[in-house]
C-alpha atoms as a PDB file:
ATOM      1  CA  MET A   1     125.981 163.733  56.429  1.00  0.00           C
ATOM      2  CA  LYS A   2     126.334 165.219  52.949  1.00  0.00           C
ATOM      3  CA  LEU A   3     130.106 164.652  53.007  1.00  0.00           C
ATOM      4  CA  GLU A   4     129.724 160.929  53.767  1.00  0.00           C
ATOM      5  CA  ASN A   5     127.264 160.519  50.893  1.00  0.00           C
ATOM      6  CA  THR A   6     129.590 162.342  48.503  1.00  0.00           C
ATOM      7  CA  LYS A   7     132.576 160.241  49.631  1.00  0.00           C
ATOM      8  CA  ALA A   8     130.574 157.048  49.086  1.00  0.00           C
ATOM      9  CA  GLN A   9     129.573 158.148  45.588  1.00  0.00           C
ATOM     10  CA  MET A  10     133.164 159.030  44.711  1.00  0.00           C
ATOM     11  CA  ARG A  11     134.370 155.621  45.921  1.00  0.00           C
ATOM     12  CA  LYS A  12     131.666 153.856  43.945  1.00  0.00           C
ATOM     13  CA  GLY A  13     132.726 155.743  40.826  1.00  0.00           C
ATOM     14  CA  VAL A  14     136.281 154.371  40.950  1.00  0.00           C
ATOM     15  CA  LEU A  15     135.538 150.961  42.447  1.00  0.00           C
ATOM     16  CA  GLU A  16     135.502 149.148  39.104  1.00  0.00           C
ATOM     17  CA  TYR A  17     138.956 150.529  38.304  1.00  0.00           C
ATOM     18  CA  CYS A  18     140.252 149.571  41.766  1.00  0.00           C
ATOM     19  CA  ILE A  19     138.905 146.013  41.507  1.00  0.00           C
ATOM     20  CA  LEU A  20     140.706 145.501  38.211  1.00  0.00           C
ATOM     21  CA  LEU A  21     143.894 146.956  39.700  1.00  0.00           C
ATOM     22  CA  VAL A  22     143.703 144.569  42.654  1.00  0.00           C
ATOM     23  CA  LEU A  23     143.223 141.598  40.316  1.00  0.00           C
ATOM     24  CA  GLU A  24     145.866 142.727  37.820  1.00  0.00           C
ATOM     25  CA  ASN A  25     148.655 140.481  39.121  1.00  0.00           C
ATOM     26  CA  LYS A  26     146.930 137.551  40.798  1.00  0.00           C
ATOM     27  CA  PRO A  27     143.583 135.762  41.122  1.00  0.00           C
ATOM     28  CA  LEU A  28     141.834 136.458  44.418  1.00  0.00           C
ATOM     29  CA  TYR A  29     138.954 135.182  46.515  1.00  0.00           C
ATOM     30  CA  VAL A  30     136.280 137.785  47.345  1.00  0.00           C
ATOM     31  CA  SER A  31     137.375 138.247  50.956  1.00  0.00           C
ATOM     32  CA  ASN A  32     140.942 138.871  49.727  1.00  0.00           C
ATOM     33  CA  ILE A  33     139.676 141.485  47.243  1.00  0.00           C
ATOM     34  CA  ILE A  34     137.841 143.260  50.063  1.00  0.00           C
ATOM     35  CA  GLU A  35     140.920 143.034  52.292  1.00  0.00           C
ATOM     36  CA  ASP A  36     143.162 144.559  49.597  1.00  0.00           C
ATOM     37  CA  LEU A  37     140.691 147.376  48.972  1.00  0.00           C
ATOM     38  CA  GLU A  38     140.341 148.095  52.698  1.00  0.00           C
ATOM     39  CA  LYS A  39     144.131 148.350  53.090  1.00  0.00           C
ATOM     40  CA  SER A  40     143.907 151.403  50.858  1.00  0.00           C
ATOM     41  CA  LYS A  41     140.912 152.813  52.745  1.00  0.00           C
ATOM     42  CA  MET A  42     138.560 151.811  49.904  1.00  0.00           C
ATOM     43  CA  ILE A  43     135.736 150.512  52.078  1.00  0.00           C
ATOM     44  CA  VAL A  44     133.452 148.072  50.281  1.00  0.00           C
ATOM     45  CA  VAL A  45     130.957 145.447  51.385  1.00  0.00           C
ATOM     46  CA  GLU A  46     130.119 142.145  49.720  1.00  0.00           C
ATOM     47  CA  GLY A  47     126.677 143.463  48.745  1.00  0.00           C
ATOM     48  CA  THR A  48     128.375 146.090  46.572  1.00  0.00           C
ATOM     49  CA  LEU A  49     131.237 143.918  45.364  1.00  0.00           C
ATOM     50  CA  TYR A  50     129.373 140.828  44.113  1.00  0.00           C
ATOM     51  CA  PRO A  51     127.155 142.651  41.590  1.00  0.00           C
ATOM     52  CA  MET A  52     130.190 144.524  40.265  1.00  0.00           C
ATOM     53  CA  LEU A  53     132.218 141.308  39.917  1.00  0.00           C
ATOM     54  CA  THR A  54     129.311 139.700  38.078  1.00  0.00           C
ATOM     55  CA  ARG A  55     129.003 142.664  35.722  1.00  0.00           C
ATOM     56  CA  LEU A  56     132.753 142.693  35.027  1.00  0.00           C
ATOM     57  CA  LYS A  57     132.610 138.937  34.368  1.00  0.00           C
ATOM     58  CA  ASN A  58     129.617 139.305  32.047  1.00  0.00           C
ATOM     59  CA  GLU A  59     131.452 142.041  30.125  1.00  0.00           C
ATOM     60  CA  GLY A  60     134.414 139.693  29.635  1.00  0.00           C
ATOM     61  CA  TYR A  61     136.848 141.608  31.862  1.00  0.00           C
ATOM     62  CA  LEU A  62     137.008 138.957  34.589  1.00  0.00           C
ATOM     63  CA  GLY A  63     136.929 135.200  34.737  1.00  0.00           C
ATOM     64  CA  TYR A  64     136.901 132.865  37.681  1.00  0.00           C
ATOM     65  CA  ARG A  65     137.996 129.418  38.689  1.00  0.00           C
ATOM     66  CA  TRP A  66     136.987 127.155  41.531  1.00  0.00           C
ATOM     67  CA  GLU A  67     139.653 126.022  43.956  1.00  0.00           C
ATOM     68  CA  GLU A  68     139.306 123.417  46.671  1.00  0.00           C
ATOM     69  CA  SER A  69     139.540 124.776  50.203  1.00  0.00           C
ATOM     70  CA  LEU A  70     140.950 123.062  53.258  1.00  0.00           C
ATOM     71  CA  GLN A  71     138.373 124.895  55.372  1.00  0.00           C
ATOM     72  CA  GLY A  72     134.992 124.289  53.752  1.00  0.00           C
ATOM     73  CA  PRO A  73     133.498 124.358  50.287  1.00  0.00           C
ATOM     74  CA  PRO A  74     135.439 125.245  47.124  1.00  0.00           C
ATOM     75  CA  ARG A  75     136.219 128.929  46.643  1.00  0.00           C
ATOM     76  CA  LYS A  76     135.691 131.053  43.561  1.00  0.00           C
ATOM     77  CA  TYR A  77     138.831 132.961  42.598  1.00  0.00           C
ATOM     78  CA  TYR A  78     138.405 135.922  40.245  1.00  0.00           C
ATOM     79  CA  GLU A  79     141.074 136.798  37.707  1.00  0.00           C
ATOM     80  CA  ILE A  80     141.467 139.479  35.064  1.00  0.00           C
ATOM     81  CA  THR A  81     141.159 138.419  31.400  1.00  0.00           C
ATOM     82  CA  GLU A  82     143.127 139.746  28.437  1.00  0.00           C
ATOM     83  CA  ASN A  83     140.129 141.975  27.595  1.00  0.00           C
ATOM     84  CA  GLY A  84     140.160 143.086  31.222  1.00  0.00           C
ATOM     85  CA  LYS A  85     143.829 144.047  30.997  1.00  0.00           C
ATOM     86  CA  PHE A  86     143.125 146.093  27.883  1.00  0.00           C
ATOM     87  CA  PHE A  87     140.140 147.767  29.605  1.00  0.00           C
ATOM     88  CA  LEU A  88     142.263 148.415  32.712  1.00  0.00           C
ATOM     89  CA  ASN A  89     144.839 150.181  30.552  1.00  0.00           C
ATOM     90  CA  GLU A  90     142.090 152.373  29.067  1.00  0.00           C
ATOM     91  CA  LEU A  91     140.741 153.142  32.535  1.00  0.00           C
ATOM     92  CA  ALA A  92     144.239 154.090  33.688  1.00  0.00           C
ATOM     93  CA  ASN A  93     144.411 156.690  30.907  1.00  0.00           C
ATOM     94  CA  VAL A  94     140.959 158.025  31.770  1.00  0.00           C
ATOM     95  CA  TRP A  95     141.944 158.189  35.458  1.00  0.00           C
ATOM     96  CA  LYS A  96     145.133 160.136  34.678  1.00  0.00           C
ATOM     97  CA  ASP A  97     143.148 162.612  32.564  1.00  0.00           C
ATOM     98  CA  LEU A  98     140.572 163.042  35.327  1.00  0.00           C
ATOM     99  CA  VAL A  99     143.172 163.557  38.047  1.00  0.00           C
ATOM    100  CA  ASN A 100     144.994 166.041  35.834  1.00  0.00           C
ATOM    101  CA  ALA A 101     141.779 167.978  35.143  1.00  0.00           C
ATOM    102  CA  VAL A 102     140.894 168.170  38.844  1.00  0.00           C
ATOM    103  CA  PHE A 103     144.452 169.222  39.677  1.00  0.00           C
ATOM    104  CA  GLN A 104     144.342 171.997  37.074  1.00  0.00           C
ATOM    105  CA  ILE A 105     140.994 173.274  38.326  1.00  0.00           C
ATOM    106  CA  SER A 106     142.187 173.083  41.923  1.00  0.00           C
ATOM    107  CA  ASN A 107     145.350 175.061  41.153  1.00  0.00           C
ATOM    108  CA  ARG A 108     143.435 177.786  39.300  1.00  0.00           C
ATOM    109  CA  ASN A 109     141.342 178.436  42.374  1.00  0.00           C
ATOM    110  CA  GLN A 110     144.223 178.891  44.809  1.00  0.00           C
END
């Protein structure tokens, strides 16, 4: 049980970075964001995703646009802003540093 909790916390810690990565090249509808994340084994539910998307939007890293749907009401498509691209670049550097630090610690203990 402890392992599952730790895995969930680790995923949550990098979810913001992963969302921005998924949106880096194209606007997506929420179900498509979830689908892309799940393809990489990054399990996320709408109840976790929506608050994070709202926070990223409020911070100016994401925008959205409404698009008519052939199968129901209009859909909200999220897209990364210029500020979001800059922030994503900063997160990429932080991620590389973190991975490098963990790798170094891991190698010292072998």
